[in-house]
Amino acid sequence: MKYLLLIATDPKYAPADQASGEKMMAEYLAFTQLIKDSGEYVGGEQLDGRDSATTVRIREGNTAITDGPFAETTEQIGGYYIVDVPHLDRALEIAALIPGARDGAVEVRPIVEM
């Protein structure tokens, strides 16, 4: 079964300097290689910052386009992974290994296959 692992982080925990940023990137690269090697990796990407987001809403037939994310929150979605694993417990184990889970949150959602 495929699961989306949606990574949300609080910008206040962003790396304070280049060395910290490089360390975090190395952790993500190592994690990504781990799930690639296990055959559980389907895909994933880092997302641009929330300042680049645009939200589209349709209300009573009218389209409203606004700058910014769909929800007002201090956390922002920074990236995602898609994994293919036998069950939810394994998806949760993998989510707990994502570096961003230490100071943010990883939402795990089953993907409905059509």
Protein backbone atom coordinates (compact mmCIF):
# COMPACT_ATOMS: atom_id res chain seq x y z
CA MET A 1 0.00 0.00 0.00
CA LYS A 2 1.22 3.50 -0.79
CA TYR A 3 1.40 6.22 1.84
CA LEU A 4 2.12 9.93 1.66
CA LEU A 5 4.50 11.14 4.37
CA LEU A 6 3.87 14.88 4.53
CA ILE A 7 6.59 16.78 6.38
CA ALA A 8 5.60 19.92 8.29
CA THR A 9 8.18 21.97 10.14
CA ASP A 10 8.22 25.13 12.21
CA PRO A 11 10.53 27.74 10.64
CA LYS A 12 11.89 28.62 14.08
CA TYR A 13 13.72 25.27 13.96
CA ALA A 14 15.31 25.95 10.57
CA PRO A 15 19.09 25.57 10.43
CA ALA A 16 20.71 28.70 11.83
CA ASP A 17 23.78 28.57 9.61
CA GLN A 18 25.19 26.93 6.49
CA ALA A 19 26.91 24.13 8.41
CA SER A 20 23.65 23.19 10.16
CA GLY A 21 21.80 23.29 6.85
CA GLU A 22 24.38 21.02 5.22
CA LYS A 23 24.15 18.60 8.16
CA MET A 24 20.37 18.45 7.84
CA MET A 25 20.58 17.93 4.08
CA ALA A 26 23.04 15.08 4.61
CA GLU A 27 20.58 13.48 7.05
CA TYR A 28 17.78 13.72 4.48
CA LEU A 29 19.99 12.28 1.74
CA ALA A 30 20.96 9.36 4.00
CA PHE A 31 17.31 8.73 4.91
CA THR A 32 16.27 8.86 1.26
CA GLN A 33 18.99 6.39 0.32
CA LEU A 34 17.86 4.08 3.13
CA ILE A 35 14.31 3.81 1.81
CA LYS A 36 15.51 3.59 -1.78
CA ASP A 37 17.77 0.68 -0.82
CA SER A 38 14.87 -1.04 0.98
CA GLY A 39 12.71 -0.75 -2.16
CA GLU A 40 10.04 1.22 -0.29
CA TYR A 41 10.70 4.60 -1.93
CA VAL A 42 8.22 5.66 -4.62
CA GLY A 43 9.00 9.37 -4.76
CA GLY A 44 9.46 12.56 -2.84
CA GLU A 45 10.57 16.14 -3.16
CA GLN A 46 11.46 19.18 -1.13
CA LEU A 47 8.96 22.00 -1.60
CA ASP A 48 9.67 25.70 -1.97
CA GLY A 49 8.77 27.93 0.98
CA ARG A 50 5.27 28.92 1.96
CA ASP A 51 5.82 32.40 0.51
CA SER A 52 5.69 30.84 -2.95
CA ALA A 53 2.34 29.08 -2.33
CA THR A 54 -0.88 30.03 -4.10
CA THR A 55 -4.27 28.74 -2.95
CA VAL A 56 -7.32 28.26 -5.17
CA ARG A 57 -10.84 28.10 -3.73
CA ILE A 58 -14.19 27.86 -5.50
CA ARG A 59 -17.10 29.30 -3.51
CA GLU A 60 -20.59 29.66 -4.97
CA GLY A 61 -19.16 29.30 -8.47
CA ASN A 62 -16.54 32.01 -7.96
CA THR A 63 -12.83 31.33 -8.12
CA ALA A 64 -10.67 32.97 -5.47
CA ILE A 65 -6.91 32.85 -5.83
CA THR A 66 -4.83 34.00 -2.89
CA ASP A 67 -1.14 34.15 -2.15
CA GLY A 68 0.03 31.88 0.61
CA PRO A 69 -0.76 28.46 2.01
CA PHE A 70 -4.27 27.09 2.47
CA ALA A 71 -4.09 27.24 6.29
CA GLU A 72 -2.76 29.80 8.71
CA THR A 73 -0.27 27.99 10.92
CA THR A 74 3.26 28.40 12.17
CA GLU A 75 4.24 25.06 10.65
CA GLN A 76 4.75 24.83 6.92
CA ILE A 77 4.81 21.89 4.56
CA GLY A 78 8.40 21.46 3.50
CA GLY A 79 8.34 18.26 1.52
CA TYR A 80 6.99 14.77 1.18
CA TYR A 81 7.82 11.17 0.51
CA ILE A 82 5.66 8.49 -1.04
CA VAL A 83 6.42 4.99 0.15
CA ASP A 84 5.04 1.61 -0.82
CA VAL A 85 4.92 -0.66 2.22
CA PRO A 86 2.88 -3.65 3.36
CA HIS A 87 1.01 -1.89 6.18
CA LEU A 88 0.50 1.32 8.17
CA ASP A 89 2.85 0.27 10.96
CA ARG A 90 5.77 0.21 8.52
CA ALA A 91 4.79 3.62 7.13
CA LEU A 92 4.81 4.98 10.69
CA GLU A 93 8.23 3.45 11.36
CA ILE A 94 9.60 5.14 8.25
CA ALA A 95 7.95 8.46 9.15
CA ALA A 96 9.68 8.38 12.53
CA LEU A 97 13.06 8.19 10.74
CA ILE A 98 12.50 11.40 8.77
CA PRO A 99 14.80 14.10 10.19
CA GLY A 100 11.96 16.66 10.22
CA ALA A 101 9.96 14.53 12.65
CA ARG A 102 12.36 15.56 15.43
CA ASP A 103 11.18 19.17 15.55
CA GLY A 104 8.11 19.13 13.32
CA ALA A 105 5.49 16.60 12.33
CA VAL A 106 5.06 13.98 9.65
CA GLU A 107 1.49 13.30 8.63
CA VAL A 108 1.01 9.77 7.27
CA ARG A 109 -1.91 9.26 4.89
CA PRO A 110 -2.87 6.29 2.78
CA ILE A 111 -3.04 6.98 -0.94
CA VAL A 112 -6.30 5.89 -2.53
CA GLU A 113 -5.36 4.03 -5.68
CA MET A 114 -7.80 4.38 -8.55
